[in-house]
Amino acid sequence: MYSQNFTYTNRIVKNIVEITSARDTILNAYIVLKWEVSLRRDALIKAAHASTAIERNPLTLEEVSQLAQSRKVTATRKAQQEVLNYLKVL
């Protein structure tokens, strides 16, 4: 049978309330959601660029960004397909 090894103190309860309040503020903040899309997109593009660059893909970060936006870039089909495949997996 479970037996708790602690007791709630006023300090613990106060901290839980503050954490819950801060969490609710963050989850319901419009500006956070607005920035989240942009931050996720940037992270995805940087991850695709870095991971394919390790394999000697010649595309620049800007070119990877353009491919992610379905724009054309001047590069070999193989280089483009490698990045597009990586973006699709992510």
PDB file of N, CA and C in Angstrom:
ATOM      1  N   MET A   1       0.832  -1.172   0.000  1.00  0.00           N
ATOM      2  CA  MET A   1       0.000   0.000   0.000  1.00  0.00           C
ATOM      3  C   MET A   1       0.888   1.251   0.000  1.00  0.00           C
ATOM      4  N   TYR A   2       0.431   2.289  -0.707  1.00  0.00           N
ATOM      5  CA  TYR A   2       1.207   3.525  -0.818  1.00  0.00           C
ATOM      6  C   TYR A   2       1.106   4.337   0.460  1.00  0.00           C
ATOM      7  N   SER A   3       2.258   4.826   0.881  1.00  0.00           N
ATOM      8  CA  SER A   3       2.308   5.692   2.055  1.00  0.00           C
ATOM      9  C   SER A   3       3.166   6.901   1.699  1.00  0.00           C
ATOM     10  N   GLN A   4       2.574   8.102   1.704  1.00  0.00           N
ATOM     11  CA  GLN A   4       3.340   9.288   1.323  1.00  0.00           C
ATOM     12  C   GLN A   4       4.374   9.617   2.387  1.00  0.00           C
ATOM     13  N   ASN A   5       5.546  10.032   1.916  1.00  0.00           N
ATOM     14  CA  ASN A   5       6.655  10.340   2.806  1.00  0.00           C
ATOM     15  C   ASN A   5       6.873  11.838   2.948  1.00  0.00           C
ATOM     16  N   PHE A   6       5.851  12.635   2.732  1.00  0.00           N
ATOM     17  CA  PHE A   6       5.983  14.076   2.864  1.00  0.00           C
ATOM     18  C   PHE A   6       4.645  14.641   3.333  1.00  0.00           C
ATOM     19  N   THR A   7       4.703  15.882   3.720  1.00  0.00           N
ATOM     20  CA  THR A   7       3.472  16.577   4.088  1.00  0.00           C
ATOM     21  C   THR A   7       3.415  17.872   3.310  1.00  0.00           C
ATOM     22  N   TYR A   8       2.216  18.261   2.956  1.00  0.00           N
ATOM     23  CA  TYR A   8       2.031  19.530   2.265  1.00  0.00           C
ATOM     24  C   TYR A   8       2.271  20.665   3.252  1.00  0.00           C
ATOM     25  N   THR A   9       3.068  21.617   2.825  1.00  0.00           N
ATOM     26  CA  THR A   9       3.282  22.819   3.638  1.00  0.00           C
ATOM     27  C   THR A   9       2.674  23.986   2.888  1.00  0.00           C
ATOM     28  N   ASN A  10       2.530  25.089   3.575  1.00  0.00           N
ATOM     29  CA  ASN A  10       2.017  26.284   2.900  1.00  0.00           C
ATOM     30  C   ASN A  10       2.924  26.690   1.739  1.00  0.00           C
ATOM     31  N   ARG A  11       4.207  26.525   1.905  1.00  0.00           N
ATOM     32  CA  ARG A  11       5.166  26.893   0.860  1.00  0.00           C
ATOM     33  C   ARG A  11       4.978  26.008  -0.379  1.00  0.00           C
ATOM     34  N   ILE A  12       4.804  24.709  -0.177  1.00  0.00           N
ATOM     35  CA  ILE A  12       4.595  23.798  -1.303  1.00  0.00           C
ATOM     36  C   ILE A  12       3.313  24.152  -2.046  1.00  0.00           C
ATOM     37  N   VAL A  13       2.249  24.362  -1.314  1.00  0.00           N
ATOM     38  CA  VAL A  13       0.970  24.700  -1.934  1.00  0.00           C
ATOM     39  C   VAL A  13       1.067  26.015  -2.687  1.00  0.00           C
ATOM     40  N   LYS A  14       1.733  27.000  -2.099  1.00  0.00           N
ATOM     41  CA  LYS A  14       1.917  28.299  -2.756  1.00  0.00           C
ATOM     42  C   LYS A  14       2.690  28.135  -4.060  1.00  0.00           C
ATOM     43  N   ASN A  15       3.753  27.326  -4.052  1.00  0.00           N
ATOM     44  CA  ASN A  15       4.544  27.093  -5.258  1.00  0.00           C
ATOM     45  C   ASN A  15       3.722  26.389  -6.338  1.00  0.00           C
ATOM     46  N   ILE A  16       2.917  25.422  -5.947  1.00  0.00           N
ATOM     47  CA  ILE A  16       2.065  24.710  -6.909  1.00  0.00           C
ATOM     48  C   ILE A  16       1.070  25.670  -7.551  1.00  0.00           C
ATOM     49  N   VAL A  17       0.486  26.531  -6.754  1.00  0.00           N
ATOM     50  CA  VAL A  17      -0.464  27.516  -7.278  1.00  0.00           C
ATOM     51  C   VAL A  17       0.236  28.465  -8.245  1.00  0.00           C
ATOM     52  N   GLU A  18       1.428  28.936  -7.912  1.00  0.00           N
ATOM     53  CA  GLU A  18       2.168  29.850  -8.790  1.00  0.00           C
ATOM     54  C   GLU A  18       2.562  29.165 -10.097  1.00  0.00           C
ATOM     55  N   ILE A  19       2.989  27.925 -10.007  1.00  0.00           N
ATOM     56  CA  ILE A  19       3.368  27.180 -11.213  1.00  0.00           C
ATOM     57  C   ILE A  19       2.155  26.966 -12.114  1.00  0.00           C
ATOM     58  N   THR A  20       1.050  26.586 -11.525  1.00  0.00           N
ATOM     59  CA  THR A  20      -0.176  26.369 -12.291  1.00  0.00           C
ATOM     60  C   THR A  20      -0.633  27.658 -12.957  1.00  0.00           C
ATOM     61  N   SER A  21      -0.551  28.752 -12.233  1.00  0.00           N
ATOM     62  CA  SER A  21      -0.945  30.044 -12.775  1.00  0.00           C
ATOM     63  C   SER A  21      -0.035  30.446 -13.938  1.00  0.00           C
ATOM     64  N   ALA A  22       1.259  30.261 -13.778  1.00  0.00           N
ATOM     65  CA  ALA A  22       2.217  30.599 -14.840  1.00  0.00           C
ATOM     66  C   ALA A  22       1.980  29.731 -16.074  1.00  0.00           C
ATOM     67  N   ARG A  23       1.726  28.451 -15.854  1.00  0.00           N
ATOM     68  CA  ARG A  23       1.455  27.523 -16.958  1.00  0.00           C
ATOM     69  C   ARG A  23       0.210  27.957 -17.726  1.00  0.00           C
ATOM     70  N   ASP A  24      -0.850  28.283 -17.000  1.00  0.00           N
ATOM     71  CA  ASP A  24      -2.088  28.732 -17.647  1.00  0.00           C
ATOM     72  C   ASP A  24      -1.863  30.010 -18.455  1.00  0.00           C
ATOM     73  N   THR A  25      -1.076  30.919 -17.912  1.00  0.00           N
ATOM     74  CA  THR A  25      -0.770  32.161 -18.621  1.00  0.00           C
ATOM     75  C   THR A  25      -0.043  31.866 -19.923  1.00  0.00           C
ATOM     76  N   ILE A  26       0.925  30.984 -19.878  1.00  0.00           N
ATOM     77  CA  ILE A  26       1.700  30.637 -21.072  1.00  0.00           C
ATOM     78  C   ILE A  26       0.829  29.922 -22.097  1.00  0.00           C
ATOM     79  N   LEU A  27       0.057  28.945 -21.650  1.00  0.00           N
ATOM     80  CA  LEU A  27      -0.769  28.179 -22.577  1.00  0.00           C
ATOM     81  C   LEU A  27      -1.861  29.023 -23.232  1.00  0.00           C
ATOM     82  N   ASN A  28      -2.330  30.036 -22.554  1.00  0.00           N
ATOM     83  CA  ASN A  28      -3.417  30.858 -23.087  1.00  0.00           C
ATOM     84  C   ASN A  28      -2.951  32.168 -23.709  1.00  0.00           C
ATOM     85  N   ALA A  29      -1.642  32.385 -23.753  1.00  0.00           N
ATOM     86  CA  ALA A  29      -1.109  33.629 -24.307  1.00  0.00           C
ATOM     87  C   ALA A  29      -1.141  33.573 -25.830  1.00  0.00           C
ATOM     88  N   TYR A  30      -1.771  34.556 -26.453  1.00  0.00           N
ATOM     89  CA  TYR A  30      -1.870  34.616 -27.916  1.00  0.00           C
ATOM     90  C   TYR A  30      -0.502  34.798 -28.560  1.00  0.00           C
ATOM     91  N   ILE A  31       0.321  35.624 -27.986  1.00  0.00           N
ATOM     92  CA  ILE A  31       1.620  35.919 -28.589  1.00  0.00           C
ATOM     93  C   ILE A  31       2.510  34.679 -28.621  1.00  0.00           C
ATOM     94  N   VAL A  32       2.404  33.828 -27.630  1.00  0.00           N
ATOM     95  CA  VAL A  32       3.202  32.604 -27.632  1.00  0.00           C
ATOM     96  C   VAL A  32       2.800  31.731 -28.803  1.00  0.00           C
ATOM     97  N   LEU A  33       1.514  31.571 -29.030  1.00  0.00           N
ATOM     98  CA  LEU A  33       1.063  30.747 -30.145  1.00  0.00           C
ATOM     99  C   LEU A  33       1.475  31.346 -31.478  1.00  0.00           C
ATOM    100  N   LYS A  34       1.415  32.665 -31.569  1.00  0.00           N
ATOM    101  CA  LYS A  34       1.798  33.345 -32.797  1.00  0.00           C
ATOM    102  C   LYS A  34       3.273  33.094 -33.105  1.00  0.00           C
ATOM    103  N   TRP A  35       4.121  33.178 -32.111  1.00  0.00           N
ATOM    104  CA  TRP A  35       5.557  32.969 -32.298  1.00  0.00           C
ATOM    105  C   TRP A  35       5.899  31.500 -32.465  1.00  0.00           C
ATOM    106  N   GLU A  36       5.096  30.635 -31.897  1.00  0.00           N
ATOM    107  CA  GLU A  36       5.404  29.206 -31.924  1.00  0.00           C
ATOM    108  C   GLU A  36       5.496  28.672 -33.349  1.00  0.00           C
ATOM    109  N   VAL A  37       4.590  29.077 -34.211  1.00  0.00           N
ATOM    110  CA  VAL A  37       4.599  28.610 -35.597  1.00  0.00           C
ATOM    111  C   VAL A  37       5.906  29.004 -36.274  1.00  0.00           C
ATOM    112  N   SER A  38       6.309  30.242 -36.095  1.00  0.00           N
ATOM    113  CA  SER A  38       7.537  30.730 -36.703  1.00  0.00           C
ATOM    114  C   SER A  38       8.764  30.015 -36.137  1.00  0.00           C
ATOM    115  N   LEU A  39       8.787  29.836 -34.827  1.00  0.00           N
ATOM    116  CA  LEU A  39       9.926  29.162 -34.193  1.00  0.00           C
ATOM    117  C   LEU A  39      10.030  27.709 -34.638  1.00  0.00           C
ATOM    118  N   ARG A  40       8.900  27.030 -34.727  1.00  0.00           N
ATOM    119  CA  ARG A  40       8.910  25.631 -35.178  1.00  0.00           C
ATOM    120  C   ARG A  40       9.396  25.525 -36.624  1.00  0.00           C
ATOM    121  N   ARG A  41       8.927  26.426 -37.476  1.00  0.00           N
ATOM    122  CA  ARG A  41       9.336  26.423 -38.878  1.00  0.00           C
ATOM    123  C   ARG A  41      10.837  26.654 -39.001  1.00  0.00           C
ATOM    124  N   ASP A  42      11.348  27.647 -38.278  1.00  0.00           N
ATOM    125  CA  ASP A  42      12.785  27.931 -38.307  1.00  0.00           C
ATOM    126  C   ASP A  42      13.600  26.747 -37.811  1.00  0.00           C
ATOM    127  N   ALA A  43      13.136  26.114 -36.759  1.00  0.00           N
ATOM    128  CA  ALA A  43      13.850  24.954 -36.205  1.00  0.00           C
ATOM    129  C   ALA A  43      13.858  23.802 -37.209  1.00  0.00           C
ATOM    130  N   LEU A  44      12.748  23.592 -37.889  1.00  0.00           N
ATOM    131  CA  LEU A  44      12.649  22.536 -38.889  1.00  0.00           C
ATOM    132  C   LEU A  44      13.628  22.773 -40.035  1.00  0.00           C
ATOM    133  N   ILE A  45      13.674  24.002 -40.514  1.00  0.00           N
ATOM    134  CA  ILE A  45      14.568  24.339 -41.623  1.00  0.00           C
ATOM    135  C   ILE A  45      16.033  24.209 -41.207  1.00  0.00           C
ATOM    136  N   LYS A  46      16.370  24.695 -40.029  1.00  0.00           N
ATOM    137  CA  LYS A  46      17.757  24.593 -39.551  1.00  0.00           C
ATOM    138  C   LYS A  46      18.166  23.141 -39.327  1.00  0.00           C
ATOM    139  N   ALA A  47      17.248  22.329 -38.817  1.00  0.00           N
ATOM    140  CA  ALA A  47      17.545  20.912 -38.607  1.00  0.00           C
ATOM    141  C   ALA A  47      17.773  20.211 -39.939  1.00  0.00           C
ATOM    142  N   ALA A  48      16.929  20.497 -40.927  1.00  0.00           N
ATOM    143  CA  ALA A  48      17.084  19.889 -42.244  1.00  0.00           C
ATOM    144  C   ALA A  48      18.398  20.318 -42.890  1.00  0.00           C
ATOM    145  N   HIS A  49      18.724  21.584 -42.771  1.00  0.00           N
ATOM    146  CA  HIS A  49      19.978  22.072 -43.354  1.00  0.00           C
ATOM    147  C   HIS A  49      21.190  21.427 -42.676  1.00  0.00           C
ATOM    148  N   ALA A  50      21.197  21.443 -41.356  1.00  0.00           N
ATOM    149  CA  ALA A  50      22.357  20.902 -40.624  1.00  0.00           C
ATOM    150  C   ALA A  50      22.539  19.410 -40.882  1.00  0.00           C
ATOM    151  N   SER A  51      21.447  18.670 -40.847  1.00  0.00           N
ATOM    152  CA  SER A  51      21.549  17.217 -41.025  1.00  0.00           C
ATOM    153  C   SER A  51      21.971  16.835 -42.436  1.00  0.00           C
ATOM    154  N   THR A  52      21.468  17.545 -43.419  1.00  0.00           N
ATOM    155  CA  THR A  52      21.873  17.214 -44.792  1.00  0.00           C
ATOM    156  C   THR A  52      23.260  17.768 -45.110  1.00  0.00           C
ATOM    157  N   ALA A  53      23.643  18.860 -44.469  1.00  0.00           N
ATOM    158  CA  ALA A  53      24.982  19.413 -44.686  1.00  0.00           C
ATOM    159  C   ALA A  53      26.050  18.446 -44.177  1.00  0.00           C
ATOM    160  N   ILE A  54      25.746  17.720 -43.113  1.00  0.00           N
ATOM    161  CA  ILE A  54      26.686  16.718 -42.599  1.00  0.00           C
ATOM    162  C   ILE A  54      26.992  15.681 -43.673  1.00  0.00           C
ATOM    163  N   GLU A  55      25.988  15.403 -44.500  1.00  0.00           N
ATOM    164  CA  GLU A  55      26.160  14.434 -45.590  1.00  0.00           C
ATOM    165  C   GLU A  55      26.674  15.104 -46.873  1.00  0.00           C
ATOM    166  N   ARG A  56      27.205  16.309 -46.716  1.00  0.00           N
ATOM    167  CA  ARG A  56      27.801  17.084 -47.813  1.00  0.00           C
ATOM    168  C   ARG A  56      26.791  17.590 -48.836  1.00  0.00           C
ATOM    169  N   ASN A  57      25.587  17.849 -48.379  1.00  0.00           N
ATOM    170  CA  ASN A  57      24.610  18.468 -49.266  1.00  0.00           C
ATOM    171  C   ASN A  57      25.023  19.929 -49.457  1.00  0.00           C
ATOM    172  N   PRO A  58      25.107  20.404 -50.697  1.00  0.00           N
ATOM    173  CA  PRO A  58      25.637  21.749 -50.960  1.00  0.00           C
ATOM    174  C   PRO A  58      24.650  22.894 -50.745  1.00  0.00           C
ATOM    175  N   LEU A  59      23.386  22.613 -50.455  1.00  0.00           N
ATOM    176  CA  LEU A  59      22.400  23.689 -50.332  1.00  0.00           C
ATOM    177  C   LEU A  59      22.658  24.551 -49.099  1.00  0.00           C
ATOM    178  N   THR A  60      22.464  25.847 -49.279  1.00  0.00           N
ATOM    179  CA  THR A  60      22.621  26.780 -48.167  1.00  0.00           C
ATOM    180  C   THR A  60      21.352  26.783 -47.320  1.00  0.00           C
ATOM    181  N   LEU A  61      21.430  27.418 -46.180  1.00  0.00           N
ATOM    182  CA  LEU A  61      20.264  27.541 -45.308  1.00  0.00           C
ATOM    183  C   LEU A  61      19.134  28.269 -46.036  1.00  0.00           C
ATOM    184  N   GLU A  62      19.465  29.293 -46.789  1.00  0.00           N
ATOM    185  CA  GLU A  62      18.455  30.043 -47.554  1.00  0.00           C
ATOM    186  C   GLU A  62      17.791  29.158 -48.608  1.00  0.00           C
ATOM    187  N   GLU A  63      18.577  28.336 -49.282  1.00  0.00           N
ATOM    188  CA  GLU A  63      18.015  27.441 -50.303  1.00  0.00           C
ATOM    189  C   GLU A  63      17.103  26.389 -49.681  1.00  0.00           C
ATOM    190  N   VAL A  64      17.487  25.880 -48.520  1.00  0.00           N
ATOM    191  CA  VAL A  64      16.633  24.919 -47.806  1.00  0.00           C
ATOM    192  C   VAL A  64      15.321  25.589 -47.416  1.00  0.00           C
ATOM    193  N   SER A  65      15.410  26.829 -46.974  1.00  0.00           N
ATOM    194  CA  SER A  65      14.217  27.592 -46.616  1.00  0.00           C
ATOM    195  C   SER A  65      13.305  27.767 -47.832  1.00  0.00           C
ATOM    196  N   GLN A  66      13.889  28.066 -48.968  1.00  0.00           N
ATOM    197  CA  GLN A  66      13.107  28.229 -50.195  1.00  0.00           C
ATOM    198  C   GLN A  66      12.438  26.916 -50.597  1.00  0.00           C
ATOM    199  N   LEU A  67      13.155  25.813 -50.491  1.00  0.00           N
ATOM    200  CA  LEU A  67      12.565  24.506 -50.806  1.00  0.00           C
ATOM    201  C   LEU A  67      11.402  24.190 -49.870  1.00  0.00           C
ATOM    202  N   ALA A  68      11.547  24.535 -48.594  1.00  0.00           N
ATOM    203  CA  ALA A  68      10.487  24.292 -47.620  1.00  0.00           C
ATOM    204  C   ALA A  68       9.227  25.074 -47.972  1.00  0.00           C
ATOM    205  N   GLN A  69       9.399  26.186 -48.689  1.00  0.00           N
ATOM    206  CA  GLN A  69       8.269  27.013 -49.118  1.00  0.00           C
ATOM    207  C   GLN A  69       7.824  26.658 -50.537  1.00  0.00           C
ATOM    208  N   SER A  70       8.279  25.519 -51.029  1.00  0.00           N
ATOM    209  CA  SER A  70       7.939  25.020 -52.373  1.00  0.00           C
ATOM    210  C   SER A  70       8.415  25.941 -53.486  1.00  0.00           C
ATOM    211  N   ARG A  71       9.490  26.653 -53.238  1.00  0.00           N
ATOM    212  CA  ARG A  71      10.084  27.508 -54.267  1.00  0.00           C
ATOM    213  C   ARG A  71      11.203  26.749 -54.969  1.00  0.00           C
ATOM    214  N   LYS A  72      11.533  27.177 -56.144  1.00  0.00           N
ATOM    215  CA  LYS A  72      12.595  26.529 -56.907  1.00  0.00           C
ATOM    216  C   LYS A  72      13.954  27.104 -56.536  1.00  0.00           C
ATOM    217  N   VAL A  73      14.956  26.228 -56.540  1.00  0.00           N
ATOM    218  CA  VAL A  73      16.336  26.649 -56.298  1.00  0.00           C
ATOM    219  C   VAL A  73      17.211  26.051 -57.387  1.00  0.00           C
ATOM    220  N   THR A  74      18.348  26.679 -57.594  1.00  0.00           N
ATOM    221  CA  THR A  74      19.290  26.172 -58.580  1.00  0.00           C
ATOM    222  C   THR A  74      20.238  25.211 -57.877  1.00  0.00           C
ATOM    223  N   ALA A  75      19.962  23.940 -58.043  1.00  0.00           N
ATOM    224  CA  ALA A  75      20.785  22.893 -57.426  1.00  0.00           C
ATOM    225  C   ALA A  75      20.474  21.584 -58.135  1.00  0.00           C
ATOM    226  N   THR A  76      21.301  20.604 -57.880  1.00  0.00           N
ATOM    227  CA  THR A  76      21.045  19.303 -58.504  1.00  0.00           C
ATOM    228  C   THR A  76      19.763  18.696 -57.942  1.00  0.00           C
ATOM    229  N   ARG A  77      19.160  17.859 -58.757  1.00  0.00           N
ATOM    230  CA  ARG A  77      17.918  17.198 -58.323  1.00  0.00           C
ATOM    231  C   ARG A  77      18.164  16.352 -57.080  1.00  0.00           C
ATOM    232  N   LYS A  78      19.325  15.712 -57.021  1.00  0.00           N
ATOM    233  CA  LYS A  78      19.662  14.859 -55.879  1.00  0.00           C
ATOM    234  C   LYS A  78      19.739  15.679 -54.582  1.00  0.00           C
ATOM    235  N   ALA A  79      20.406  16.829 -54.661  1.00  0.00           N
ATOM    236  CA  ALA A  79      20.543  17.684 -53.483  1.00  0.00           C
ATOM    237  C   ALA A  79      19.181  18.176 -53.007  1.00  0.00           C
ATOM    238  N   GLN A  80      18.353  18.582 -53.956  1.00  0.00           N
ATOM    239  CA  GLN A  80      17.019  19.051 -53.600  1.00  0.00           C
ATOM    240  C   GLN A  80      16.177  17.930 -52.999  1.00  0.00           C
ATOM    241  N   GLN A  81      16.227  16.755 -53.615  1.00  0.00           N
ATOM    242  CA  GLN A  81      15.405  15.638 -53.141  1.00  0.00           C
ATOM    243  C   GLN A  81      15.821  15.189 -51.750  1.00  0.00           C
ATOM    244  N   GLU A  82      17.117  15.239 -51.473  1.00  0.00           N
ATOM    245  CA  GLU A  82      17.592  14.866 -50.143  1.00  0.00           C
ATOM    246  C   GLU A  82      16.977  15.778 -49.077  1.00  0.00           C
ATOM    247  N   VAL A  83      16.975  17.070 -49.333  1.00  0.00           N
ATOM    248  CA  VAL A  83      16.402  18.030 -48.379  1.00  0.00           C
ATOM    249  C   VAL A  83      14.897  17.848 -48.280  1.00  0.00           C
ATOM    250  N   LEU A  84      14.230  17.711 -49.418  1.00  0.00           N
ATOM    251  CA  LEU A  84      12.771  17.533 -49.400  1.00  0.00           C
ATOM    252  C   LEU A  84      12.365  16.265 -48.648  1.00  0.00           C
ATOM    253  N   ASN A  85      13.114  15.200 -48.844  1.00  0.00           N
ATOM    254  CA  ASN A  85      12.830  13.956 -48.112  1.00  0.00           C
ATOM    255  C   ASN A  85      13.010  14.142 -46.614  1.00  0.00           C
ATOM    256  N   TYR A  86      14.051  14.852 -46.237  1.00  0.00           N
ATOM    257  CA  TYR A  86      14.310  15.088 -44.814  1.00  0.00           C
ATOM    258  C   TYR A  86      13.199  15.940 -44.212  1.00  0.00           C
ATOM    259  N   LEU A  87      12.793  16.981 -44.920  1.00  0.00           N
ATOM    260  CA  LEU A  87      11.703  17.822 -44.431  1.00  0.00           C
ATOM    261  C   LEU A  87      10.416  17.006 -44.298  1.00  0.00           C
ATOM    262  N   LYS A  88      10.188  16.117 -45.227  1.00  0.00           N
ATOM    263  CA  LYS A  88       8.969  15.281 -45.171  1.00  0.00           C
ATOM    264  C   LYS A  88       8.991  14.368 -43.952  1.00  0.00           C
ATOM    265  N   VAL A  89      10.138  13.824 -43.651  1.00  0.00           N
ATOM    266  CA  VAL A  89      10.266  12.933 -42.481  1.00  0.00           C
ATOM    267  C   VAL A  89      10.024  13.717 -41.183  1.00  0.00           C
ATOM    268  N   LEU A  90      10.569  14.916 -41.122  1.00  0.00           N
ATOM    269  CA  LEU A  90      10.362  15.721 -39.921  1.00  0.00           C
ATOM    270  C   LEU A  90       8.914  16.144 -39.794  1.00  0.00           C
TER     271      LEU A  90
END
